[in-house]
Amino acid sequence: MSFKTAAEMREITQESIMSDVEKEMEARAKQGKYEYAFDGLLTTMQKEKLIELGYNVRTGYQYNEPWAIISW
């Protein structure tokens, strides 16, 4: 059995989240939509990566719950 460090687990989790976000963005684009909105949190690193790739990213909180909108 191999044990992973906290940093390795965090990276795996972030990659998984980005994979899910990418799949949802692709599905929306195929539907002819120009944004993906969801309740949840993007890390600073994820947000910066999306912006670097040319996406418009807005995040915030409503009633202490995080939300994000990614548009293209």
PDB file of N, CA and C in Angstrom:
ATOM      1  N   MET A   1       0.850  -1.164   0.000  1.00  0.00           N
ATOM      2  CA  MET A   1       0.000   0.000   0.000  1.00  0.00           C
ATOM      3  C   MET A   1       0.901   1.234   0.000  1.00  0.00           C
ATOM      4  N   SER A   2       0.583   2.196  -0.873  1.00  0.00           N
ATOM      5  CA  SER A   2       1.394   3.418  -0.890  1.00  0.00           C
ATOM      6  C   SER A   2       0.601   4.551  -0.247  1.00  0.00           C
ATOM      7  N   PHE A   3       1.261   5.277   0.605  1.00  0.00           N
ATOM      8  CA  PHE A   3       0.639   6.406   1.274  1.00  0.00           C
ATOM      9  C   PHE A   3       1.006   7.677   0.536  1.00  0.00           C
ATOM     10  N   LYS A   4       0.086   8.600   0.494  1.00  0.00           N
ATOM     11  CA  LYS A   4       0.317   9.876  -0.176  1.00  0.00           C
ATOM     12  C   LYS A   4       0.397  10.972   0.875  1.00  0.00           C
ATOM     13  N   THR A   5       1.198  11.969   0.562  1.00  0.00           N
ATOM     14  CA  THR A   5       1.294  13.111   1.458  1.00  0.00           C
ATOM     15  C   THR A   5       0.059  13.984   1.286  1.00  0.00           C
ATOM     16  N   ALA A   6      -0.135  14.896   2.202  1.00  0.00           N
ATOM     17  CA  ALA A   6      -1.269  15.825   2.109  1.00  0.00           C
ATOM     18  C   ALA A   6      -1.182  16.648   0.830  1.00  0.00           C
ATOM     19  N   ALA A   7       0.017  17.070   0.468  1.00  0.00           N
ATOM     20  CA  ALA A   7       0.194  17.866  -0.752  1.00  0.00           C
ATOM     21  C   ALA A   7      -0.185  17.052  -1.990  1.00  0.00           C
ATOM     22  N   GLU A   8       0.192  15.776  -2.025  1.00  0.00           N
ATOM     23  CA  GLU A   8      -0.161  14.919  -3.160  1.00  0.00           C
ATOM     24  C   GLU A   8      -1.672  14.716  -3.236  1.00  0.00           C
ATOM     25  N   MET A   9      -2.303  14.512  -2.105  1.00  0.00           N
ATOM     26  CA  MET A   9      -3.755  14.329  -2.082  1.00  0.00           C
ATOM     27  C   MET A   9      -4.478  15.602  -2.514  1.00  0.00           C
ATOM     28  N   ARG A  10      -3.979  16.753  -2.085  1.00  0.00           N
ATOM     29  CA  ARG A  10      -4.571  18.026  -2.472  1.00  0.00           C
ATOM     30  C   ARG A  10      -4.480  18.205  -3.993  1.00  0.00           C
ATOM     31  N   GLU A  11      -3.342  17.872  -4.569  1.00  0.00           N
ATOM     32  CA  GLU A  11      -3.158  17.988  -6.016  1.00  0.00           C
ATOM     33  C   GLU A  11      -4.111  17.058  -6.764  1.00  0.00           C
ATOM     34  N   ILE A  12      -4.245  15.827  -6.292  1.00  0.00           N
ATOM     35  CA  ILE A  12      -5.158  14.866  -6.917  1.00  0.00           C
ATOM     36  C   ILE A  12      -6.590  15.387  -6.855  1.00  0.00           C
ATOM     37  N   THR A  13      -6.987  15.930  -5.712  1.00  0.00           N
ATOM     38  CA  THR A  13      -8.333  16.467  -5.550  1.00  0.00           C
ATOM     39  C   THR A  13      -8.573  17.638  -6.492  1.00  0.00           C
ATOM     40  N   GLN A  14      -7.605  18.549  -6.584  1.00  0.00           N
ATOM     41  CA  GLN A  14      -7.753  19.711  -7.459  1.00  0.00           C
ATOM     42  C   GLN A  14      -7.833  19.288  -8.922  1.00  0.00           C
ATOM     43  N   GLU A  15      -7.033  18.297  -9.312  1.00  0.00           N
ATOM     44  CA  GLU A  15      -7.088  17.791 -10.684  1.00  0.00           C
ATOM     45  C   GLU A  15      -8.449  17.181 -10.977  1.00  0.00           C
ATOM     46  N   SER A  16      -9.000  16.472 -10.005  1.00  0.00           N
ATOM     47  CA  SER A  16     -10.312  15.859 -10.166  1.00  0.00           C
ATOM     48  C   SER A  16     -11.393  16.930 -10.321  1.00  0.00           C
ATOM     49  N   ILE A  17     -11.325  17.964  -9.505  1.00  0.00           N
ATOM     50  CA  ILE A  17     -12.296  19.053  -9.592  1.00  0.00           C
ATOM     51  C   ILE A  17     -12.201  19.738 -10.939  1.00  0.00           C
ATOM     52  N   MET A  18     -10.975  20.022 -11.395  1.00  0.00           N
ATOM     53  CA  MET A  18     -10.800  20.671 -12.687  1.00  0.00           C
ATOM     54  C   MET A  18     -11.325  19.786 -13.807  1.00  0.00           C
ATOM     55  N   SER A  19     -11.120  18.490 -13.704  1.00  0.00           N
ATOM     56  CA  SER A  19     -11.626  17.565 -14.710  1.00  0.00           C
ATOM     57  C   SER A  19     -13.148  17.637 -14.782  1.00  0.00           C
ATOM     58  N   ASP A  20     -13.799  17.659 -13.628  1.00  0.00           N
ATOM     59  CA  ASP A  20     -15.261  17.769 -13.594  1.00  0.00           C
ATOM     60  C   ASP A  20     -15.726  19.095 -14.188  1.00  0.00           C
ATOM     61  N   VAL A  21     -15.042  20.179 -13.844  1.00  0.00           N
ATOM     62  CA  VAL A  21     -15.392  21.506 -14.364  1.00  0.00           C
ATOM     63  C   VAL A  21     -15.214  21.523 -15.884  1.00  0.00           C
ATOM     64  N   GLU A  22     -14.117  20.972 -16.374  1.00  0.00           N
ATOM     65  CA  GLU A  22     -13.860  20.938 -17.809  1.00  0.00           C
ATOM     66  C   GLU A  22     -14.941  20.152 -18.546  1.00  0.00           C
ATOM     67  N   LYS A  23     -15.370  19.024 -17.985  1.00  0.00           N
ATOM     68  CA  LYS A  23     -16.422  18.228 -18.610  1.00  0.00           C
ATOM     69  C   LYS A  23     -17.721  19.010 -18.688  1.00  0.00           C
ATOM     70  N   GLU A  24     -18.070  19.711 -17.609  1.00  0.00           N
ATOM     71  CA  GLU A  24     -19.302  20.506 -17.594  1.00  0.00           C
ATOM     72  C   GLU A  24     -19.219  21.674 -18.574  1.00  0.00           C
ATOM     73  N   MET A  25     -18.046  22.316 -18.663  1.00  0.00           N
ATOM     74  CA  MET A  25     -17.869  23.419 -19.609  1.00  0.00           C
ATOM     75  C   MET A  25     -18.026  22.912 -21.037  1.00  0.00           C
ATOM     76  N   GLU A  26     -17.442  21.766 -21.327  1.00  0.00           N
ATOM     77  CA  GLU A  26     -17.547  21.183 -22.664  1.00  0.00           C
ATOM     78  C   GLU A  26     -19.000  20.849 -23.001  1.00  0.00           C
ATOM     79  N   ALA A  27     -19.724  20.290 -22.045  1.00  0.00           N
ATOM     80  CA  ALA A  27     -21.133  19.958 -22.272  1.00  0.00           C
ATOM     81  C   ALA A  27     -21.949  21.218 -22.559  1.00  0.00           C
ATOM     82  N   ARG A  28     -21.692  22.292 -21.807  1.00  0.00           N
ATOM     83  CA  ARG A  28     -22.411  23.550 -22.034  1.00  0.00           C
ATOM     84  C   ARG A  28     -22.079  24.128 -23.408  1.00  0.00           C
ATOM     85  N   ALA A  29     -20.813  24.071 -23.784  1.00  0.00           N
ATOM     86  CA  ALA A  29     -20.401  24.595 -25.092  1.00  0.00           C
ATOM     87  C   ALA A  29     -21.082  23.821 -26.219  1.00  0.00           C
ATOM     88  N   LYS A  30     -21.198  22.508 -26.071  1.00  0.00           N
ATOM     89  CA  LYS A  30     -21.864  21.691 -27.093  1.00  0.00           C
ATOM     90  C   LYS A  30     -23.342  22.043 -27.208  1.00  0.00           C
ATOM     91  N   GLN A  31     -23.929  22.557 -26.122  1.00  0.00           N
ATOM     92  CA  GLN A  31     -25.330  22.985 -26.121  1.00  0.00           C
ATOM     93  C   GLN A  31     -25.483  24.402 -26.670  1.00  0.00           C
ATOM     94  N   GLY A  32     -24.364  25.023 -27.044  1.00  0.00           N
ATOM     95  CA  GLY A  32     -24.396  26.383 -27.574  1.00  0.00           C
ATOM     96  C   GLY A  32     -24.394  27.450 -26.503  1.00  0.00           C
ATOM     97  N   LYS A  33     -24.091  27.076 -25.285  1.00  0.00           N
ATOM     98  CA  LYS A  33     -24.065  28.032 -24.185  1.00  0.00           C
ATOM     99  C   LYS A  33     -22.665  28.621 -24.048  1.00  0.00           C
ATOM    100  N   TYR A  34     -22.589  29.756 -23.360  1.00  0.00           N
ATOM    101  CA  TYR A  34     -21.336  30.482 -23.233  1.00  0.00           C
ATOM    102  C   TYR A  34     -20.866  30.644 -21.794  1.00  0.00           C
ATOM    103  N   GLU A  35     -21.499  29.910 -20.876  1.00  0.00           N
ATOM    104  CA  GLU A  35     -21.046  29.984 -19.496  1.00  0.00           C
ATOM    105  C   GLU A  35     -21.452  28.730 -18.733  1.00  0.00           C
ATOM    106  N   TYR A  36     -20.736  28.509 -17.644  1.00  0.00           N
ATOM    107  CA  TYR A  36     -21.036  27.421 -16.733  1.00  0.00           C
ATOM    108  C   TYR A  36     -21.082  28.022 -15.341  1.00  0.00           C
ATOM    109  N   ALA A  37     -22.232  27.936 -14.694  1.00  0.00           N
ATOM    110  CA  ALA A  37     -22.409  28.468 -13.342  1.00  0.00           C
ATOM    111  C   ALA A  37     -22.676  27.299 -12.403  1.00  0.00           C
ATOM    112  N   PHE A  38     -22.054  27.364 -11.232  1.00  0.00           N
ATOM    113  CA  PHE A  38     -22.266  26.280 -10.275  1.00  0.00           C
ATOM    114  C   PHE A  38     -22.053  26.772  -8.853  1.00  0.00           C
ATOM    115  N   ASP A  39     -22.655  26.063  -7.920  1.00  0.00           N
ATOM    116  CA  ASP A  39     -22.429  26.305  -6.503  1.00  0.00           C
ATOM    117  C   ASP A  39     -21.219  25.487  -6.106  1.00  0.00           C
ATOM    118  N   GLY A  40     -20.222  26.138  -5.610  1.00  0.00           N
ATOM    119  CA  GLY A  40     -19.004  25.455  -5.222  1.00  0.00           C
ATOM    120  C   GLY A  40     -17.844  26.422  -5.212  1.00  0.00           C
ATOM    121  N   LEU A  41     -16.701  25.890  -4.886  1.00  0.00           N
ATOM    122  CA  LEU A  41     -15.520  26.709  -4.683  1.00  0.00           C
ATOM    123  C   LEU A  41     -14.429  26.342  -5.674  1.00  0.00           C
ATOM    124  N   LEU A  42     -13.814  27.346  -6.267  1.00  0.00           N
ATOM    125  CA  LEU A  42     -12.606  27.163  -7.058  1.00  0.00           C
ATOM    126  C   LEU A  42     -11.447  27.669  -6.218  1.00  0.00           C
ATOM    127  N   THR A  43     -10.349  26.946  -6.232  1.00  0.00           N
ATOM    128  CA  THR A  43      -9.182  27.437  -5.520  1.00  0.00           C
ATOM    129  C   THR A  43      -8.574  28.593  -6.312  1.00  0.00           C
ATOM    130  N   THR A  44      -7.727  29.353  -5.673  1.00  0.00           N
ATOM    131  CA  THR A  44      -7.041  30.456  -6.345  1.00  0.00           C
ATOM    132  C   THR A  44      -6.258  29.926  -7.536  1.00  0.00           C
ATOM    133  N   MET A  45      -5.593  28.796  -7.364  1.00  0.00           N
ATOM    134  CA  MET A  45      -4.806  28.209  -8.444  1.00  0.00           C
ATOM    135  C   MET A  45      -5.697  27.814  -9.627  1.00  0.00           C
ATOM    136  N   GLN A  46      -6.853  27.240  -9.353  1.00  0.00           N
ATOM    137  CA  GLN A  46      -7.772  26.852 -10.421  1.00  0.00           C
ATOM    138  C   GLN A  46      -8.292  28.087 -11.153  1.00  0.00           C
ATOM    139  N   LYS A  47      -8.665  29.103 -10.378  1.00  0.00           N
ATOM    140  CA  LYS A  47      -9.175  30.341 -10.974  1.00  0.00           C
ATOM    141  C   LYS A  47      -8.111  30.987 -11.853  1.00  0.00           C
ATOM    142  N   GLU A  48      -6.883  31.064 -11.362  1.00  0.00           N
ATOM    143  CA  GLU A  48      -5.793  31.658 -12.130  1.00  0.00           C
ATOM    144  C   GLU A  48      -5.533  30.882 -13.419  1.00  0.00           C
ATOM    145  N   LYS A  49      -5.600  29.563 -13.363  1.00  0.00           N
ATOM    146  CA  LYS A  49      -5.379  28.739 -14.547  1.00  0.00           C
ATOM    147  C   LYS A  49      -6.457  28.997 -15.596  1.00  0.00           C
ATOM    148  N   LEU A  50      -7.703  29.069 -15.162  1.00  0.00           N
ATOM    149  CA  LEU A  50      -8.796  29.342 -16.091  1.00  0.00           C
ATOM    150  C   LEU A  50      -8.639  30.721 -16.730  1.00  0.00           C
ATOM    151  N   ILE A  51      -8.275  31.712 -15.944  1.00  0.00           N
ATOM    152  CA  ILE A  51      -8.059  33.064 -16.470  1.00  0.00           C
ATOM    153  C   ILE A  51      -6.893  33.054 -17.462  1.00  0.00           C
ATOM    154  N   GLU A  52      -5.833  32.346 -17.118  1.00  0.00           N
ATOM    155  CA  GLU A  52      -4.667  32.224 -18.002  1.00  0.00           C
ATOM    156  C   GLU A  52      -5.061  31.616 -19.348  1.00  0.00           C
ATOM    157  N   LEU A  53      -6.028  30.707 -19.325  1.00  0.00           N
ATOM    158  CA  LEU A  53      -6.504  30.070 -20.550  1.00  0.00           C
ATOM    159  C   LEU A  53      -7.495  30.939 -21.329  1.00  0.00           C
ATOM    160  N   GLY A  54      -7.832  32.110 -20.784  1.00  0.00           N
ATOM    161  CA  GLY A  54      -8.692  33.049 -21.496  1.00  0.00           C
ATOM    162  C   GLY A  54     -10.143  33.071 -21.062  1.00  0.00           C
ATOM    163  N   TYR A  55     -10.484  32.378 -19.994  1.00  0.00           N
ATOM    164  CA  TYR A  55     -11.864  32.363 -19.512  1.00  0.00           C
ATOM    165  C   TYR A  55     -12.114  33.539 -18.577  1.00  0.00           C
ATOM    166  N   ASN A  56     -13.344  33.997 -18.548  1.00  0.00           N
ATOM    167  CA  ASN A  56     -13.776  35.012 -17.588  1.00  0.00           C
ATOM    168  C   ASN A  56     -14.331  34.243 -16.385  1.00  0.00           C
ATOM    169  N   VAL A  57     -13.770  34.502 -15.211  1.00  0.00           N
ATOM    170  CA  VAL A  57     -14.161  33.754 -14.020  1.00  0.00           C
ATOM    171  C   VAL A  57     -14.630  34.726 -12.947  1.00  0.00           C
ATOM    172  N   ARG A  58     -15.849  34.513 -12.485  1.00  0.00           N
ATOM    173  CA  ARG A  58     -16.387  35.297 -11.372  1.00  0.00           C
ATOM    174  C   ARG A  58     -16.716  34.334 -10.246  1.00  0.00           C
ATOM    175  N   THR A  59     -16.375  34.729  -9.036  1.00  0.00           N
ATOM    176  CA  THR A  59     -16.688  33.907  -7.870  1.00  0.00           C
ATOM    177  C   THR A  59     -17.240  34.804  -6.772  1.00  0.00           C
ATOM    178  N   GLY A  60     -17.934  34.200  -5.855  1.00  0.00           N
ATOM    179  CA  GLY A  60     -18.459  34.952  -4.732  1.00  0.00           C
ATOM    180  C   GLY A  60     -19.156  34.045  -3.743  1.00  0.00           C
ATOM    181  N   TYR A  61     -19.820  34.671  -2.821  1.00  0.00           N
ATOM    182  CA  TYR A  61     -20.560  33.954  -1.789  1.00  0.00           C
ATOM    183  C   TYR A  61     -21.944  34.576  -1.657  1.00  0.00           C
ATOM    184  N   GLN A  62     -22.929  33.746  -1.478  1.00  0.00           N
ATOM    185  CA  GLN A  62     -24.269  34.202  -1.147  1.00  0.00           C
ATOM    186  C   GLN A  62     -24.759  33.330  -0.008  1.00  0.00           C
ATOM    187  N   TYR A  63     -25.154  33.956   1.055  1.00  0.00           N
ATOM    188  CA  TYR A  63     -25.596  33.238   2.252  1.00  0.00           C
ATOM    189  C   TYR A  63     -24.511  32.265   2.726  1.00  0.00           C
ATOM    190  N   ASN A  64     -23.267  32.705   2.667  1.00  0.00           N
ATOM    191  CA  ASN A  64     -22.097  31.925   3.083  1.00  0.00           C
ATOM    192  C   ASN A  64     -21.851  30.673   2.249  1.00  0.00           C
ATOM    193  N   GLU A  65     -22.427  30.614   1.073  1.00  0.00           N
ATOM    194  CA  GLU A  65     -22.207  29.491   0.161  1.00  0.00           C
ATOM    195  C   GLU A  65     -21.461  30.002  -1.072  1.00  0.00           C
ATOM    196  N   PRO A  66     -20.360  29.333  -1.458  1.00  0.00           N
ATOM    197  CA  PRO A  66     -19.595  29.798  -2.611  1.00  0.00           C
ATOM    198  C   PRO A  66     -20.279  29.460  -3.928  1.00  0.00           C
ATOM    199  N   TRP A  67     -20.053  30.309  -4.924  1.00  0.00           N
ATOM    200  CA  TRP A  67     -20.540  30.073  -6.275  1.00  0.00           C
ATOM    201  C   TRP A  67     -19.468  30.523  -7.267  1.00  0.00           C
ATOM    202  N   ALA A  68     -19.558  30.037  -8.488  1.00  0.00           N
ATOM    203  CA  ALA A  68     -18.627  30.424  -9.542  1.00  0.00           C
ATOM    204  C   ALA A  68     -19.353  30.444 -10.875  1.00  0.00           C
ATOM    205  N   ILE A  69     -18.931  31.368 -11.730  1.00  0.00           N
ATOM    206  CA  ILE A  69     -19.425  31.431 -13.101  1.00  0.00           C
ATOM    207  C   ILE A  69     -18.202  31.535 -14.001  1.00  0.00           C
ATOM    208  N   ILE A  70     -18.106  30.621 -14.930  1.00  0.00           N
ATOM    209  CA  ILE A  70     -17.019  30.605 -15.894  1.00  0.00           C
ATOM    210  C   ILE A  70     -17.645  30.842 -17.261  1.00  0.00           C
ATOM    211  N   SER A  71     -17.177  31.885 -17.950  1.00  0.00           N
ATOM    212  CA  SER A  71     -17.741  32.176 -19.269  1.00  0.00           C
ATOM    213  C   SER A  71     -16.644  32.283 -20.310  1.00  0.00           C
ATOM    214  N   TRP A  72     -17.065  32.104 -21.565  1.00  0.00           N
ATOM    215  CA  TRP A  72     -16.104  32.145 -22.682  1.00  0.00           C
ATOM    216  C   TRP A  72     -16.706  32.826 -23.878  1.00  0.00           C
TER     217      TRP A  72
END
